[in-house]
Amino acid sequence: MEISEAGKFFDGLYLITDRLKVLEEVGLGYLEIGQSATTLSGGEAQRIKLARELTCPLGKKTLYIMDEPTVGLHYYDIELLLKVLNKLVEKGNSVLLIEHNMHVIKSADYIIDLGPEGGEGGGRVVAVGAPEDVAKNPKSPTGKYLKKYL
């Protein structure tokens, strides 16, 4: 049974449906109940961890660090991921992403753009600030692409 079907099946059993609802919110409603963790992609496993964090009680402030969480995700799933990340921030947590997806970068509160290249030609801070500020910075390799998304 898929998670989305299980939500209907267990209707009224809030201890179960509340957790299933969070899994659906992170875009995992298509997974099978009891599906082996070894069959999950890295992105799916990461979203399961995020769903678990969303069910934690308030008061615990956490810094979440994620490396390229959008790799392999469809645009719709990226939108779901952004909603989940925003919920974590609304709960008083901080989220730090290493990301190249412009749809995600444009949604950031603050960007630290490293470069100007990769490897030995990179590793220096070339721009910081809100997406609009980074897009205006002529030294920012990210900024020239980000302009098209703002």
Protein backbone atom coordinates (compact mmCIF):
# COMPACT_ATOMS: atom_id res chain seq x y z
CA MET A 1 0.00 0.00 0.00
CA GLU A 2 1.32 3.44 -0.90
CA ILE A 3 1.68 6.11 1.79
CA SER A 4 -1.03 8.22 0.12
CA GLU A 5 -3.44 5.25 0.21
CA ALA A 6 -2.52 4.45 3.81
CA GLY A 7 -3.52 7.95 4.86
CA LYS A 8 -7.07 7.23 3.70
CA PHE A 9 -7.06 3.70 5.10
CA PHE A 10 -6.04 4.86 8.60
CA ASP A 11 -8.35 7.89 8.58
CA GLY A 12 -9.18 8.86 12.16
CA LEU A 13 -6.06 7.28 13.69
CA TYR A 14 -4.19 10.55 14.11
CA LEU A 15 -1.03 9.03 15.57
CA ILE A 16 -0.57 7.27 12.22
CA THR A 17 -2.12 9.74 9.79
CA ASP A 18 -0.21 12.76 11.13
CA ARG A 19 3.10 11.08 10.26
CA LEU A 20 1.83 9.86 6.90
CA LYS A 21 0.64 13.38 6.09
CA VAL A 22 4.15 14.75 6.64
CA LEU A 23 5.58 12.10 4.31
CA GLU A 24 3.08 13.21 1.66
CA GLU A 25 4.01 16.86 2.24
CA VAL A 26 7.65 16.09 1.38
CA GLY A 27 6.54 14.37 -1.82
CA LEU A 28 6.85 10.74 -0.78
CA GLY A 29 3.22 9.65 -1.02
CA TYR A 30 4.13 7.19 -3.78
CA LEU A 31 6.43 5.08 -1.53
CA GLU A 32 5.16 1.73 -0.31
CA ILE A 33 4.56 1.17 3.41
CA GLY A 34 7.41 -1.02 4.62
CA GLN A 35 9.58 -0.33 1.58
CA SER A 36 13.20 -1.20 2.29
CA ALA A 37 15.48 1.76 2.92
CA THR A 38 18.04 0.22 0.56
CA THR A 39 15.66 0.86 -2.36
CA LEU A 40 15.43 4.61 -1.71
CA SER A 41 17.38 7.20 -3.65
CA GLY A 42 19.57 9.62 -1.74
CA GLY A 43 16.98 12.37 -2.20
CA GLU A 44 14.18 10.16 -0.90
CA ALA A 45 16.21 9.18 2.15
CA GLN A 46 16.99 12.84 2.79
CA ARG A 47 13.29 13.76 2.58
CA ILE A 48 12.39 10.97 5.03
CA LYS A 49 14.85 12.48 7.49
CA LEU A 50 13.30 15.91 6.93
CA ALA A 51 9.82 14.49 7.51
CA ARG A 52 11.01 12.98 10.79
CA GLU A 53 12.39 16.36 11.84
CA LEU A 54 9.08 18.06 11.05
CA THR A 55 7.35 15.78 13.55
CA CYS A 56 9.76 16.79 16.36
CA PRO A 57 8.35 19.03 19.08
CA LEU A 58 9.13 22.75 19.06
CA GLY A 59 11.98 24.15 21.09
CA LYS A 60 14.85 22.20 19.56
CA LYS A 61 16.84 24.62 17.38
CA THR A 62 18.88 22.83 14.73
CA LEU A 63 21.19 23.77 11.88
CA TYR A 64 20.44 21.57 8.85
CA ILE A 65 23.26 21.28 6.32
CA MET A 66 22.41 19.67 2.98
CA ASP A 67 24.56 19.05 -0.05
CA GLU A 68 22.68 19.36 -3.36
CA PRO A 69 19.28 18.21 -2.04
CA THR A 70 17.61 18.81 -5.40
CA VAL A 71 19.73 16.42 -7.47
CA GLY A 72 17.43 14.13 -9.43
CA LEU A 73 14.25 15.87 -8.31
CA HIS A 74 11.45 16.92 -10.65
CA TYR A 75 10.47 20.60 -10.51
CA TYR A 76 7.30 19.69 -8.57
CA ASP A 77 9.38 17.85 -5.95
CA ILE A 78 11.73 20.82 -5.67
CA GLU A 79 8.73 23.01 -4.82
CA LEU A 80 7.69 20.51 -2.13
CA LEU A 81 11.24 20.47 -0.76
CA LEU A 82 11.27 24.28 -0.55
CA LYS A 83 8.00 24.21 1.42
CA VAL A 84 9.49 21.70 3.84
CA LEU A 85 12.67 23.74 4.27
CA ASN A 86 10.56 26.83 4.93
CA LYS A 87 8.60 24.92 7.61
CA LEU A 88 11.88 24.03 9.31
CA VAL A 89 12.87 27.71 9.31
CA GLU A 90 9.43 28.75 10.60
CA LYS A 91 10.02 26.40 13.55
CA GLY A 92 13.15 28.43 14.43
CA ASN A 93 15.75 26.23 12.73
CA SER A 94 18.41 27.26 10.22
CA VAL A 95 19.01 25.62 6.85
CA LEU A 96 22.29 25.79 4.97
CA LEU A 97 22.32 24.39 1.43
CA ILE A 98 25.15 23.71 -0.96
CA GLU A 99 23.18 24.07 -4.16
CA HIS A 100 23.45 24.86 -7.88
CA ASN A 101 19.73 24.87 -8.74
CA MET A 102 18.74 28.45 -9.56
CA HIS A 103 15.11 27.89 -8.52
CA VAL A 104 16.38 27.08 -5.03
CA ILE A 105 19.07 29.77 -4.95
CA LYS A 106 16.56 32.50 -5.86
CA SER A 107 14.48 31.41 -2.83
CA ALA A 108 17.35 31.84 -0.37
CA ASP A 109 17.40 34.50 2.32
CA TYR A 110 21.17 34.83 2.08
CA ILE A 111 23.73 33.56 -0.43
CA ILE A 112 27.46 32.99 -0.02
CA ASP A 113 28.84 32.62 -3.53
CA LEU A 114 32.20 30.87 -3.70
CA GLY A 115 34.46 30.92 -6.72
CA PRO A 116 35.31 32.31 -9.08
CA GLU A 117 35.93 28.78 -10.42
CA GLY A 118 36.12 25.25 -9.04
CA GLY A 119 39.14 23.42 -7.60
CA GLU A 120 42.27 25.50 -7.11
CA GLY A 121 40.62 28.43 -8.93
CA GLY A 122 37.85 28.63 -6.35
CA GLY A 123 37.19 28.61 -2.66
CA ARG A 124 37.05 32.38 -2.25
CA VAL A 125 33.98 34.38 -1.30
CA VAL A 126 33.06 36.43 -4.39
CA ALA A 127 29.60 37.66 -3.38
CA VAL A 128 27.27 37.63 -0.39
CA GLY A 129 23.78 38.83 0.36
CA ALA A 130 20.21 38.49 -0.83
CA PRO A 131 19.66 36.93 -4.27
CA GLU A 132 19.06 40.39 -5.77
CA ASP A 133 22.41 41.63 -4.40
CA VAL A 134 24.33 38.62 -5.71
CA ALA A 135 22.68 38.99 -9.14
CA LYS A 136 23.94 42.58 -9.34
CA ASN A 137 27.52 41.68 -8.38
CA PRO A 138 29.70 41.55 -11.53
CA LYS A 139 32.25 39.30 -9.77
CA SER A 140 29.65 36.62 -9.04
CA PRO A 141 29.58 33.64 -11.41
CA THR A 142 26.24 32.65 -9.88
CA GLY A 143 24.88 36.17 -10.22
CA LYS A 144 25.00 36.22 -14.01
CA TYR A 145 22.77 33.11 -14.13
CA LEU A 146 20.61 34.15 -11.19
CA LYS A 147 19.52 37.36 -12.99
CA LYS A 148 17.44 35.26 -15.40
CA TYR A 149 15.46 33.72 -12.52
CA LEU A 150 14.62 36.86 -10.54
